[in-house]
Amino acid sequence: MYQSKNDRAQTVQFLLFHPVVHMVIYPLSFILFGIIMGSRINMFRLTEVIALFLYVLTFYLLDLITKRTKSIYSFIRTLQGIIGTLVFITLSFYLGQINSIYFMLIMCLNGLFLFGKEWYQKIHPFNHVYVTWIRAIYYGLIFNGMALYTLGHVILFSKLGLMLPLVLLHWVYLKVRPHAVSNDGLLKTFKAMPYLIVILGILIKFISVYSLPFIIALLGLSVFGQKKLLPDDSLVSQRVFISYEILVLSFIVGVSAII
């Protein structure tokens, strides 16, 4: 059956913004920068990349589900909670075992955050702000560092600054609300800041100048093209769009850092 250009565009838009696609690209954005850097230092190992992706995907899903449940401990007692927790522990043990005792310690701290954040937030109402920032640091910095160390067996402290733009974009992802990016001046500022930091890195020759046209194009798309590209202004659509931004920015910055 013949489809018009408008119908084909709507089909592509539907596929790109499908929740299942989002469940893949967003966790992938947690580790893409680290995969690129680690593969450049050592080599790309598919088994370890798959294990890392499954780990961050499980972490993300458990974090998402437990954030919406009344009690983490009641969730753990369900079949879904038991399976998810067992998968998380198995992947944590595998990644810790192939790396080092210090890496295993990080796995324990990850689990402590995942299953202890509910208790911490109950101590003081303002603690949810800290939890949001910690979550953004996990998604933008810690998981990329884990991927870098797993593949490259080294931590490049000189490259940690490259992950700051990713942390800020993850914060925007976590704080965005329906119509928020269009109307919230603070979110607009935070959404532009990652790109300005990358441009500053280019100016001081910390990042390759060849990435500048791509960064400007992505910034323009983020600021001026979002309304045209989004199927609607819902929370899901905005978060999927930001997921693509983080993924593309991770790729640009990662490649620029190794050339």
Protein backbone atom coordinates (compact mmCIF):
# COMPACT_ATOMS: atom_id res chain seq x y z
CA MET A 1 0.00 0.00 0.00
CA TYR A 2 1.34 3.40 -1.00
CA GLN A 3 2.36 5.73 1.81
CA SER A 4 2.73 9.48 1.42
CA LYS A 5 5.86 11.25 2.64
CA ASN A 6 3.91 12.52 5.64
CA ASP A 7 2.80 8.99 6.55
CA ARG A 8 6.34 7.66 6.23
CA ALA A 9 7.66 10.51 8.39
CA GLN A 10 5.05 9.73 11.06
CA THR A 11 6.00 6.03 10.96
CA VAL A 12 9.70 6.84 11.40
CA GLN A 13 8.85 9.28 14.18
CA PHE A 14 6.70 6.64 15.91
CA LEU A 15 9.54 4.10 15.75
CA LEU A 16 12.22 6.53 16.94
CA PHE A 17 10.14 7.63 19.92
CA HIS A 18 8.80 4.20 20.82
CA PRO A 19 9.22 3.37 24.55
CA VAL A 20 11.06 0.11 23.72
CA VAL A 21 13.66 2.06 21.71
CA HIS A 22 13.99 4.43 24.64
CA MET A 23 14.69 1.51 26.98
CA VAL A 24 17.70 0.64 24.81
CA ILE A 25 19.20 3.99 23.87
CA TYR A 26 19.00 5.60 27.31
CA PRO A 27 20.95 2.89 29.22
CA LEU A 28 23.38 2.73 26.27
CA SER A 29 24.08 6.44 26.81
CA PHE A 30 25.37 5.58 30.31
CA ILE A 31 28.37 3.70 28.91
CA LEU A 32 28.95 4.75 25.28
CA PHE A 33 31.67 7.30 26.11
CA GLY A 34 33.48 4.75 28.30
CA ILE A 35 33.19 2.05 25.63
CA ILE A 36 34.75 4.34 23.00
CA MET A 37 37.60 5.40 25.28
CA GLY A 38 38.26 1.91 26.65
CA SER A 39 38.22 0.29 23.21
CA ARG A 40 40.74 2.85 21.97
CA ILE A 41 43.13 2.17 24.87
CA ASN A 42 42.88 -1.60 24.77
CA MET A 43 40.40 -3.40 22.54
CA PHE A 44 36.67 -3.84 22.00
CA ARG A 45 35.41 -7.01 23.75
CA LEU A 46 31.81 -7.83 22.90
CA THR A 47 31.17 -10.10 25.89
CA GLU A 48 32.17 -7.43 28.38
CA VAL A 49 30.23 -4.73 26.51
CA ILE A 50 27.08 -6.89 26.62
CA ALA A 51 27.62 -7.55 30.34
CA LEU A 52 28.05 -3.81 30.99
CA PHE A 53 24.93 -2.95 29.01
CA LEU A 54 22.84 -5.60 30.80
CA TYR A 55 24.17 -4.31 34.13
CA VAL A 56 23.25 -0.66 33.51
CA LEU A 57 19.93 -1.71 31.97
CA THR A 58 19.09 -3.77 35.07
CA PHE A 59 20.23 -0.94 37.36
CA TYR A 60 18.09 1.55 35.43
CA LEU A 61 14.99 -0.65 35.45
CA LEU A 62 15.31 -1.44 39.16
CA ASP A 63 15.92 2.23 39.92
CA LEU A 64 12.88 3.21 37.84
CA ILE A 65 10.59 0.60 39.39
CA THR A 66 11.70 1.13 43.00
CA LYS A 67 11.29 4.90 42.54
CA ARG A 68 7.60 4.31 41.78
CA THR A 69 6.87 1.75 44.49
CA LYS A 70 5.80 2.62 48.02
CA SER A 71 8.48 0.39 49.55
CA ILE A 72 11.64 -1.08 48.03
CA TYR A 73 11.55 -4.01 50.43
CA SER A 74 7.98 -4.95 49.51
CA PHE A 75 9.05 -4.88 45.84
CA ILE A 76 12.01 -7.19 46.52
CA ARG A 77 9.63 -9.80 47.91
CA THR A 78 7.69 -9.97 44.61
CA LEU A 79 8.68 -12.38 41.82
CA GLN A 80 9.66 -9.46 39.60
CA GLY A 81 11.79 -8.02 42.39
CA ILE A 82 13.48 -11.35 43.17
CA ILE A 83 14.39 -11.97 39.52
CA GLY A 84 15.62 -8.38 39.00
CA THR A 85 17.71 -8.45 42.19
CA LEU A 86 19.26 -11.83 41.33
CA VAL A 87 20.16 -10.63 37.82
CA PHE A 88 21.67 -7.45 39.30
CA ILE A 89 23.74 -9.39 41.87
CA THR A 90 24.92 -11.92 39.23
CA LEU A 91 26.04 -9.19 36.81
CA SER A 92 27.67 -7.25 39.67
CA PHE A 93 29.65 -10.33 40.71
CA TYR A 94 30.70 -11.08 37.12
CA LEU A 95 31.93 -7.54 36.43
CA GLY A 96 33.67 -7.35 39.80
CA GLN A 97 35.33 -10.73 39.26
CA ILE A 98 36.78 -9.82 35.83
CA ASN A 99 38.14 -6.51 37.10
CA SER A 100 39.46 -6.04 40.65
CA ILE A 101 38.57 -5.96 44.33
CA TYR A 102 38.18 -2.18 44.09
CA PHE A 103 35.74 -2.60 41.24
CA MET A 104 33.78 -5.06 43.38
CA LEU A 105 33.61 -2.36 46.06
CA ILE A 106 32.04 -0.01 43.51
CA MET A 107 29.48 -2.73 42.74
CA CYS A 108 28.59 -2.83 46.45
CA LEU A 109 28.23 0.95 46.58
CA ASN A 110 25.98 0.82 43.51
CA GLY A 111 23.75 -1.68 45.26
CA LEU A 112 23.75 0.45 48.42
CA PHE A 113 22.48 3.44 46.44
CA LEU A 114 19.92 1.38 44.55
CA PHE A 115 18.35 -0.23 47.60
CA GLY A 116 19.15 2.42 50.22
CA LYS A 117 18.01 5.62 48.52
CA GLU A 118 14.45 5.25 49.86
CA TRP A 119 15.69 5.25 53.45
CA TYR A 120 18.01 8.22 52.77
CA GLN A 121 15.21 10.29 51.23
CA LYS A 122 13.03 9.70 54.28
CA ILE A 123 15.62 11.30 56.60
CA HIS A 124 14.93 14.78 55.22
CA PRO A 125 12.51 15.98 52.48
CA PHE A 126 15.31 17.91 50.73
CA ASN A 127 17.42 14.76 50.27
CA HIS A 128 15.57 13.90 47.05
CA VAL A 129 17.54 16.76 45.44
CA TYR A 130 20.82 15.06 46.35
CA VAL A 131 19.50 11.70 45.12
CA THR A 132 18.64 13.24 41.74
CA TRP A 133 22.17 14.64 41.39
CA ILE A 134 23.72 11.34 42.52
CA ARG A 135 21.59 9.53 39.94
CA ALA A 136 22.80 11.94 37.21
CA ILE A 137 26.41 11.35 38.31
CA TYR A 138 25.88 7.61 38.09
CA TYR A 139 24.38 7.81 34.62
CA GLY A 140 26.88 10.31 33.23
CA LEU A 141 30.13 9.63 35.11
CA ILE A 142 30.32 6.45 37.21
CA PHE A 143 28.96 4.02 34.62
CA ASN A 144 31.17 5.51 31.89
CA GLY A 145 34.12 5.17 34.25
CA MET A 146 33.19 1.52 34.85
CA ALA A 147 33.03 0.89 31.09
CA LEU A 148 36.38 2.62 30.57
CA TYR A 149 38.05 0.57 33.30
CA THR A 150 36.47 -2.73 32.20
CA LEU A 151 37.65 -2.37 28.61
CA GLY A 152 40.80 -0.30 29.07
CA HIS A 153 41.88 -1.42 32.58
CA VAL A 154 42.75 2.17 33.42
CA ILE A 155 41.06 5.29 34.79
CA LEU A 156 42.00 8.45 32.89
CA PHE A 157 41.45 11.17 35.48
CA SER A 158 42.43 13.77 32.90
CA LYS A 159 39.34 12.80 30.89
CA LEU A 160 36.83 13.01 33.75
CA GLY A 161 35.98 16.59 32.80
CA LEU A 162 34.66 15.35 29.45
CA MET A 163 31.86 13.57 31.30
CA LEU A 164 30.58 16.73 33.05
CA PRO A 165 28.40 17.72 30.04
CA LEU A 166 26.86 14.24 30.11
CA VAL A 167 26.08 14.55 33.84
CA LEU A 168 24.32 17.88 33.23
CA LEU A 169 22.23 16.46 30.38
CA HIS A 170 21.26 13.48 32.51
CA TRP A 171 20.13 15.94 35.21
CA VAL A 172 17.95 17.70 32.63
CA TYR A 173 16.53 14.31 31.62
CA LEU A 174 15.64 13.52 35.24
CA LYS A 175 14.11 16.96 35.95
CA VAL A 176 12.24 17.57 32.71
CA ARG A 177 8.44 17.75 32.86
CA PRO A 178 5.77 18.07 30.16
CA HIS A 179 6.24 21.46 28.42
CA ALA A 180 9.14 22.15 30.82
CA VAL A 181 11.96 22.70 28.32
CA SER A 182 9.77 25.13 26.41
CA ASN A 183 8.77 27.14 29.49
CA ASP A 184 11.38 26.59 32.22
CA GLY A 185 14.29 29.03 31.99
CA LEU A 186 16.48 27.01 34.40
CA LEU A 187 16.11 23.84 32.34
CA LYS A 188 16.83 25.79 29.16
CA THR A 189 20.05 27.05 30.71
CA PHE A 190 21.10 23.61 31.92
CA LYS A 191 20.27 22.15 28.51
CA ALA A 192 22.61 24.62 26.79
CA MET A 193 25.41 24.38 29.36
CA PRO A 194 26.75 20.93 28.29
CA TYR A 195 27.32 22.20 24.76
CA LEU A 196 28.95 25.41 25.98
CA ILE A 197 31.31 23.37 28.17
CA VAL A 198 32.27 21.21 25.19
CA ILE A 199 32.87 24.32 23.06
CA LEU A 200 35.08 25.69 25.86
CA GLY A 201 36.98 22.39 25.82
CA ILE A 202 37.53 22.84 22.09
CA LEU A 203 38.77 26.41 22.55
CA ILE A 204 41.35 25.34 25.13
CA LYS A 205 42.34 22.41 22.87
CA PHE A 206 41.14 19.78 25.34
CA ILE A 207 38.83 18.37 22.65
CA SER A 208 39.52 18.11 18.92
CA VAL A 209 38.46 21.17 16.94
CA TYR A 210 37.01 18.84 14.29
CA SER A 211 34.06 18.18 16.61
CA LEU A 212 32.99 21.86 16.65
CA PRO A 213 30.62 21.71 13.61
CA PHE A 214 28.90 18.63 15.04
CA ILE A 215 28.50 20.23 18.48
CA ILE A 216 27.04 23.42 16.99
CA ALA A 217 24.69 21.37 14.82
CA LEU A 218 23.54 19.30 17.81
CA LEU A 219 23.07 22.45 19.90
CA GLY A 220 21.00 24.05 17.14
CA LEU A 221 18.92 20.91 16.83
CA SER A 222 18.38 20.84 20.59
CA VAL A 223 17.37 24.50 20.86
CA PHE A 224 15.53 25.12 17.60
CA GLY A 225 14.58 21.71 16.25
CA GLN A 226 13.08 19.99 19.27
CA LYS A 227 9.50 21.20 18.79
CA LYS A 228 9.49 20.12 15.13
CA LEU A 229 10.98 16.70 15.81
CA LEU A 230 8.88 15.75 18.85
CA PRO A 231 5.60 13.91 18.14
CA ASP A 232 4.14 15.75 21.15
CA ASP A 233 5.28 17.70 24.22
CA SER A 234 4.74 14.81 26.64
CA LEU A 235 7.23 13.75 29.28
CA VAL A 236 8.07 10.51 27.43
CA SER A 237 8.75 12.28 24.12
CA GLN A 238 10.98 14.88 25.75
CA ARG A 239 12.96 12.24 27.61
CA VAL A 240 13.44 10.16 24.46
CA PHE A 241 14.71 13.25 22.63
CA ILE A 242 17.17 14.03 25.44
CA SER A 243 18.28 10.36 25.38
CA TYR A 244 19.26 10.76 21.73
CA GLU A 245 21.08 13.99 22.61
CA ILE A 246 23.12 12.29 25.33
CA LEU A 247 23.91 9.34 23.07
CA VAL A 248 25.07 11.54 20.18
CA LEU A 249 27.00 13.89 22.47
CA SER A 250 28.71 10.88 24.11
CA PHE A 251 29.76 9.64 20.68
CA ILE A 252 31.05 13.05 19.48
CA VAL A 253 32.99 13.78 22.67
CA GLY A 254 34.33 10.22 22.91
CA VAL A 255 35.60 10.14 19.33
CA SER A 256 36.99 13.69 19.62
CA ALA A 257 38.95 12.72 22.72
CA ILE A 258 40.83 9.92 20.95
CA ILE A 259 41.69 11.49 17.60
